[in-house]
């Protein structure tokens, strides 16, 4: 099994641990909130407004603690933890791909404001995988990243540009329109108030990471050079298959030659075999020129057929192979 599929399985397991942890924290918090509400309701039954105010003052600390402070300490840090996990795992996937040896370029060598951007650039430019199907997920990750940054760098406040009014801040509409946040429009403070937002982040992170794993798990073959800069895997498969077919044809010719008893069998065999070998030389010189970075021409197959070993030396000279051999020495 591919290391990347094993990695995907581990990610799914760890994300399930996140879900269970979130559910447990949320259940404990709601239990405490319910207890406070029940005690408050019981204590304020049939009381005058003045007496109710006294009871409210008595419960104020618990209300503040369980309905504001604890949610802030619960869900905001969870977003930071899950985001950090996502960033770390994405970087690890890039490092695993780098170990395969297709390129000397590492994640750190690429441009980007953070490891998530650097990793995505690596996956597209170096690992050469197609992430277009997950563009909508990536867009949402970018939005979540902005919320995380506001928590981490702005003390859970949306005001990033102090020269603009609060309604012009980038996250204003997000906070105002998403009921999973508690948002103070007067000063820009916010906090995550519902587990559903954190569970969405877990879901998105899992989908993106496992999607990358599945892409990287596919057999990776890259065939290109300066003369043919695009991926020529299909071309190489076609030429190799042609040579195998011609080789099979040569085997059949040999078998037919053994079975024939007429006077023309040797003449026919030589003629047909040379034609088959010429077809093999045609595709073989094309492949050889590709791996030498040389420029192939139609006459190259004839050079081999006509001049044998001397023809090979000619092609090595033409394709630059001899120069490279000398440079290595």
Protein backbone atom coordinates (compact mmCIF):
# COMPACT_ATOMS: atom_id res chain seq x y z
CA UNK A 1 0.00 0.00 0.00
CA UNK A 2 1.19 3.52 -0.80
CA UNK A 3 2.65 5.50 2.12
CA UNK A 4 0.25 8.29 1.16
CA UNK A 5 -2.81 6.06 1.59
CA UNK A 6 -1.50 5.02 5.01
CA UNK A 7 -1.03 8.72 5.78
CA UNK A 8 -4.64 9.40 4.72
CA UNK A 9 -5.88 6.66 7.03
CA UNK A 10 -3.94 8.20 9.94
CA UNK A 11 -5.40 11.64 9.18
CA UNK A 12 -8.96 10.25 9.22
CA UNK A 13 -8.32 8.59 12.58
CA UNK A 14 -6.83 11.73 14.12
CA UNK A 15 -9.65 13.89 12.76
CA UNK A 16 -12.14 11.54 14.39
CA UNK A 17 -10.27 12.08 17.67
CA UNK A 18 -10.74 15.83 17.17
CA UNK A 19 -14.49 15.31 16.65
CA UNK A 20 -14.84 13.22 19.79
CA UNK A 21 -12.88 15.75 21.83
CA UNK A 22 -15.00 18.63 20.52
CA UNK A 23 -18.22 16.75 21.29
CA UNK A 24 -17.08 16.01 24.84
CA UNK A 25 -16.04 19.61 25.53
CA UNK A 26 -19.29 20.92 24.09
CA UNK A 27 -21.39 18.49 26.13
CA UNK A 28 -19.63 19.45 29.37
CA UNK A 29 -20.06 23.15 28.63
CA UNK A 30 -23.76 22.79 27.80
CA UNK A 31 -24.33 20.74 30.95
CA UNK A 32 -22.87 23.57 33.05
CA UNK A 33 -24.89 26.18 31.14
CA UNK A 34 -28.08 24.19 31.66
CA UNK A 35 -27.39 23.87 35.39
CA UNK A 36 -26.91 27.63 35.72
CA UNK A 37 -30.09 28.35 33.73
CA UNK A 38 -32.16 25.93 35.84
CA UNK A 39 -30.85 27.33 39.13
CA UNK A 40 -31.44 30.88 37.89
CA UNK A 41 -34.99 30.13 36.78
CA UNK A 42 -35.75 28.40 40.05
CA UNK A 43 -34.29 31.25 42.13
CA UNK A 44 -36.20 33.99 40.27
CA UNK A 45 -39.66 32.41 40.43
CA UNK A 46 -42.35 34.77 41.71
CA UNK A 47 -39.88 37.50 42.67
CA UNK A 48 -40.20 41.21 42.22
CA UNK A 49 -37.99 43.01 39.73
CA UNK A 50 -35.81 44.30 42.53
CA UNK A 51 -35.41 40.81 43.97
CA UNK A 52 -34.73 39.36 40.51
CA UNK A 53 -31.95 41.88 40.03
CA UNK A 54 -30.38 40.76 43.30
CA UNK A 55 -30.52 37.13 42.13
CA UNK A 56 -29.09 38.14 38.77
CA UNK A 57 -26.19 39.85 40.52
CA UNK A 58 -25.62 36.66 42.49
CA UNK A 59 -25.49 34.51 39.33
CA UNK A 60 -23.61 37.08 37.23
CA UNK A 61 -20.20 35.50 37.71
CA UNK A 62 -21.43 32.03 36.70
CA UNK A 63 -23.33 33.42 33.71
CA UNK A 64 -20.24 35.31 32.55
CA UNK A 65 -18.02 32.27 33.11
CA UNK A 66 -20.11 29.58 31.40
CA UNK A 67 -21.74 31.65 28.65
CA UNK A 68 -18.77 33.80 27.61
CA UNK A 69 -15.39 33.01 29.16
CA UNK A 70 -15.49 29.23 28.82
CA UNK A 71 -16.75 29.28 25.18
CA UNK A 72 -13.88 31.67 24.34
CA UNK A 73 -11.36 29.37 26.04
CA UNK A 74 -12.91 26.31 24.38
CA UNK A 75 -13.55 27.04 20.73
CA UNK A 76 -11.07 29.78 19.76
CA UNK A 77 -8.03 27.70 20.85
CA UNK A 78 -9.50 24.65 19.09
CA UNK A 79 -9.51 26.53 15.79
CA UNK A 80 -5.84 27.41 16.29
CA UNK A 81 -5.00 23.77 17.11
CA UNK A 82 -6.81 22.32 14.10
CA UNK A 83 -5.35 24.94 11.77
CA UNK A 84 -1.87 24.14 13.11
CA UNK A 85 -2.51 20.43 12.55
CA UNK A 86 -3.62 21.08 8.98
CA UNK A 87 -0.55 23.21 8.25
CA UNK A 88 1.81 20.62 9.76
CA UNK A 89 0.28 17.64 7.92
CA UNK A 90 0.25 19.46 4.58
CA UNK A 91 3.95 20.22 4.98
CA UNK A 92 4.67 16.58 5.91
CA UNK A 93 2.98 15.40 2.70
CA UNK A 94 5.26 17.68 0.69
CA UNK A 95 8.30 16.34 2.53
CA UNK A 96 7.22 12.75 1.84
CA UNK A 97 6.88 13.56 -1.85
CA UNK A 98 10.30 15.24 -1.85
CA UNK A 99 11.90 12.03 -0.55
CA UNK A 100 10.83 10.29 -3.76
CA UNK A 101 13.62 12.23 -5.45
CA UNK A 102 11.82 13.76 -8.42
CA UNK A 103 13.10 17.23 -7.57
CA UNK A 104 15.71 18.87 -5.36
CA UNK A 105 13.32 21.72 -4.55
CA UNK A 106 11.86 21.68 -1.03
CA UNK A 107 8.84 23.44 0.47
CA UNK A 108 11.06 26.04 2.13
CA UNK A 109 12.53 27.00 -1.25
CA UNK A 110 9.20 28.26 -2.57
CA UNK A 111 7.44 31.60 -2.19
CA UNK A 112 4.54 32.01 0.21
CA UNK A 113 3.48 33.91 3.31
CA UNK A 114 3.18 30.72 5.37
CA UNK A 115 3.65 26.96 5.14
CA UNK A 116 0.13 26.41 3.82
CA UNK A 117 0.81 28.64 0.80
CA UNK A 118 4.32 27.22 0.32
CA UNK A 119 2.94 23.67 0.52
CA UNK A 120 0.21 24.33 -2.03
CA UNK A 121 2.78 25.86 -4.39
CA UNK A 122 4.99 22.79 -3.94
CA UNK A 123 2.11 20.39 -4.65
CA UNK A 124 1.14 22.21 -7.85
CA UNK A 125 4.55 23.21 -9.21
CA UNK A 126 6.85 20.42 -7.97
CA UNK A 127 4.68 17.41 -7.11
CA UNK A 128 2.72 18.27 -10.28
CA UNK A 129 -0.67 17.14 -9.00
CA UNK A 130 -4.04 18.55 -10.02
CA UNK A 131 -5.88 20.26 -7.16
CA UNK A 132 -8.55 22.02 -9.26
CA UNK A 133 -11.33 19.76 -7.94
CA UNK A 134 -10.65 21.12 -4.44
CA UNK A 135 -10.53 24.82 -5.33
CA UNK A 136 -13.76 25.56 -3.43
CA UNK A 137 -12.34 23.87 -0.32
CA UNK A 138 -9.13 25.86 -0.68
CA UNK A 139 -11.11 29.09 -0.88
CA UNK A 140 -12.87 28.23 2.37
CA UNK A 141 -9.53 27.37 3.98
CA UNK A 142 -8.39 30.88 3.08
CA UNK A 143 -11.43 32.36 4.85
CA UNK A 144 -10.82 30.20 7.92
CA UNK A 145 -7.19 31.26 7.89
CA UNK A 146 -8.24 34.92 8.16
CA UNK A 147 -10.41 34.14 11.18
CA UNK A 148 -7.56 32.19 12.77
CA UNK A 149 -5.16 35.07 12.13
CA UNK A 150 -7.57 37.54 13.74
CA UNK A 151 -7.66 35.34 16.85
CA UNK A 152 -3.90 34.84 16.93
CA UNK A 153 -2.59 38.24 15.86
CA UNK A 154 -5.44 40.63 16.72
CA UNK A 155 -6.66 39.19 20.03
CA UNK A 156 -9.91 37.88 18.48
CA UNK A 157 -10.81 41.23 16.93
CA UNK A 158 -11.68 41.89 13.28
CA UNK A 159 -10.05 45.34 13.11
CA UNK A 160 -6.96 44.89 10.96
CA UNK A 161 -6.84 48.30 9.31
CA UNK A 162 -7.50 50.97 11.96
CA UNK A 163 -7.98 53.65 9.29
CA UNK A 164 -11.24 52.01 8.15
CA UNK A 165 -14.59 51.92 9.98
CA UNK A 166 -15.60 48.59 11.48
CA UNK A 167 -18.17 47.81 8.77
CA UNK A 168 -15.40 48.08 6.14
CA UNK A 169 -13.17 45.50 7.85
CA UNK A 170 -12.59 42.30 5.85
CA UNK A 171 -14.26 39.96 8.36
CA UNK A 172 -17.20 42.21 9.24
CA UNK A 173 -19.81 40.50 7.04
CA UNK A 174 -18.54 37.04 8.03
CA UNK A 175 -19.02 37.76 11.72
CA UNK A 176 -22.31 39.61 11.30
CA UNK A 177 -23.92 36.91 9.15
CA UNK A 178 -22.65 33.73 10.83
CA UNK A 179 -24.64 32.84 14.00
CA UNK A 180 -21.86 30.51 15.13
CA UNK A 181 -19.91 33.58 16.27
CA UNK A 182 -20.62 36.07 19.03
CA UNK A 183 -19.71 39.42 17.58
CA UNK A 184 -19.55 42.83 19.23
CA UNK A 185 -20.17 45.39 16.49
CA UNK A 186 -19.18 48.25 18.73
CA UNK A 187 -15.53 47.24 19.09
CA UNK A 188 -14.92 44.30 16.71
CA UNK A 189 -14.39 41.61 19.35
CA UNK A 190 -15.63 38.11 18.49
CA UNK A 191 -15.45 34.50 19.61
CA UNK A 192 -16.63 31.15 18.27
CA UNK A 193 -19.78 30.22 20.16
CA UNK A 194 -20.83 26.93 18.55
CA UNK A 195 -19.05 23.64 17.97
CA UNK A 196 -20.54 23.42 14.46
CA UNK A 197 -17.99 25.90 13.13
CA UNK A 198 -15.09 23.88 14.55
CA UNK A 199 -16.58 20.68 13.12
CA UNK A 200 -16.77 22.37 9.72
CA UNK A 201 -13.06 23.21 9.97
CA UNK A 202 -12.27 19.58 10.85
CA UNK A 203 -14.31 18.36 7.87
CA UNK A 204 -12.64 20.75 5.44
CA UNK A 205 -9.13 19.98 6.69
CA UNK A 206 -9.77 16.23 6.42
CA UNK A 207 -11.18 16.49 2.89
CA UNK A 208 -8.27 18.55 1.63
CA UNK A 209 -5.53 16.46 3.24
CA UNK A 210 -6.99 13.12 2.15
CA UNK A 211 -7.59 14.53 -1.34
CA UNK A 212 -3.91 15.47 -1.57
CA UNK A 213 -2.95 12.00 -0.28
CA UNK A 214 -5.03 10.31 -2.98
CA UNK A 215 -3.41 12.44 -5.68
CA UNK A 216 0.12 11.77 -4.42
CA UNK A 217 -0.63 8.03 -4.12
CA UNK A 218 -1.07 7.75 -7.88
CA UNK A 219 1.93 6.33 -9.72
CA UNK A 220 4.12 9.26 -10.61
CA UNK A 221 5.98 9.20 -13.92
CA UNK A 222 7.47 12.34 -15.43
CA UNK A 223 9.12 12.35 -18.85
CA UNK A 224 10.27 15.65 -20.32
CA UNK A 225 13.40 17.45 -21.45
CA UNK A 226 14.33 20.82 -22.95
CA UNK A 227 13.47 19.65 -26.47
CA UNK A 228 10.14 18.18 -25.34
CA UNK A 229 9.23 20.22 -22.22
CA UNK A 230 5.75 18.77 -21.70
CA UNK A 231 4.98 15.49 -19.96
CA UNK A 232 5.71 12.80 -22.57
CA UNK A 233 4.71 9.74 -20.57
CA UNK A 234 1.95 8.76 -23.02
CA UNK A 235 4.36 9.27 -25.93
CA UNK A 236 7.00 7.07 -24.25
CA UNK A 237 4.44 4.37 -23.55
CA UNK A 238 3.31 4.43 -27.17
CA UNK A 239 6.85 4.11 -28.58
CA UNK A 240 7.80 1.38 -26.13
CA UNK A 241 4.62 -0.54 -26.94
CA UNK A 242 5.39 -0.25 -30.65
CA UNK A 243 8.83 -1.81 -30.11
CA UNK A 244 7.35 -4.65 -28.06
CA UNK A 245 4.85 -5.33 -30.82
CA UNK A 246 7.61 -5.36 -33.44
CA UNK A 247 9.66 -7.69 -31.25
CA UNK A 248 6.67 -10.06 -31.02
CA UNK A 249 6.37 -9.83 -34.80
CA UNK A 250 10.05 -10.84 -35.12
CA UNK A 251 9.41 -13.85 -32.88
CA UNK A 252 6.50 -14.90 -35.08
CA UNK A 253 8.67 -14.51 -38.18
CA UNK A 254 11.28 -16.82 -36.67
CA UNK A 255 8.64 -19.42 -35.85
CA UNK A 256 7.17 -19.20 -39.35
CA UNK A 257 10.64 -19.54 -40.87
CA UNK A 258 11.19 -22.76 -38.92
CA UNK A 259 7.89 -24.17 -40.18
CA UNK A 260 8.36 -23.30 -43.85
CA UNK A 261 10.04 -25.75 -46.25
CA UNK A 262 9.80 -23.85 -49.55
CA UNK A 263 12.81 -22.44 -51.39
CA UNK A 264 11.85 -18.79 -50.69
CA UNK A 265 11.65 -19.06 -46.91
CA UNK A 266 15.15 -17.67 -46.24
CA UNK A 267 14.75 -14.74 -48.65
CA UNK A 268 11.34 -13.84 -47.21
CA UNK A 269 12.60 -14.19 -43.66
CA UNK A 270 15.56 -11.84 -44.20
CA UNK A 271 13.40 -9.25 -45.97
CA UNK A 272 10.63 -9.30 -43.35
CA UNK A 273 13.03 -9.38 -40.42
CA UNK A 274 14.96 -6.35 -41.71
CA UNK A 275 11.70 -4.47 -42.11
CA UNK A 276 10.73 -5.32 -38.53
CA UNK A 277 14.16 -4.34 -37.19
CA UNK A 278 13.95 -1.04 -39.08
CA UNK A 279 10.62 -0.28 -37.38
CA UNK A 280 12.20 -1.05 -34.01
CA UNK A 281 15.18 1.20 -34.84
CA UNK A 282 12.77 3.97 -35.80
CA UNK A 283 11.10 4.09 -32.37
CA UNK A 284 14.24 3.16 -30.43
CA UNK A 285 16.26 6.06 -31.82
CA UNK A 286 13.37 8.38 -30.97
CA UNK A 287 13.42 7.24 -27.34
CA UNK A 288 17.24 7.39 -27.21
CA UNK A 289 17.23 10.97 -28.54
CA UNK A 290 14.65 11.94 -25.90
CA UNK A 291 16.75 10.67 -22.99
CA UNK A 292 19.86 12.26 -24.48
CA UNK A 293 18.07 15.56 -24.98
CA UNK A 294 18.92 15.38 -28.69
CA UNK A 295 16.93 16.28 -31.76
CA UNK A 296 15.64 13.22 -33.61
CA UNK A 297 15.38 13.02 -37.42
CA UNK A 298 13.84 10.37 -39.70
CA UNK A 299 17.25 9.34 -41.07
CA UNK A 300 18.48 8.32 -37.61
CA UNK A 301 16.90 4.85 -37.88
CA UNK A 302 18.71 4.29 -41.20
CA UNK A 303 22.02 5.33 -39.65
CA UNK A 304 21.73 2.45 -37.18
CA UNK A 305 20.53 -0.03 -39.80
CA UNK A 306 23.26 0.90 -42.28
CA UNK A 307 26.23 1.62 -40.03
CA UNK A 308 25.61 -0.49 -36.89
CA UNK A 309 28.14 0.38 -34.12
CA UNK A 310 29.55 3.33 -36.09
CA UNK A 311 25.98 4.57 -36.55
CA UNK A 312 25.43 4.46 -32.79
CA UNK A 313 28.56 6.56 -32.26
CA UNK A 314 27.27 9.04 -34.80
CA UNK A 315 23.95 9.33 -32.98
CA UNK A 316 25.72 9.74 -29.63
CA UNK A 317 27.63 12.62 -31.15
CA UNK A 318 24.50 14.12 -32.67
CA UNK A 319 22.50 13.80 -29.45
CA UNK A 320 25.29 15.15 -27.27
CA UNK A 321 25.71 11.91 -25.31
CA UNK A 322 29.49 11.69 -25.87
CA UNK A 323 30.02 15.23 -24.56
CA UNK A 324 28.04 14.43 -21.41
CA UNK A 325 30.07 11.27 -20.85
CA UNK A 326 33.29 13.31 -21.09
CA UNK A 327 31.92 15.98 -18.76
CA UNK A 328 31.19 13.32 -16.12
CA UNK A 329 34.78 12.07 -16.32
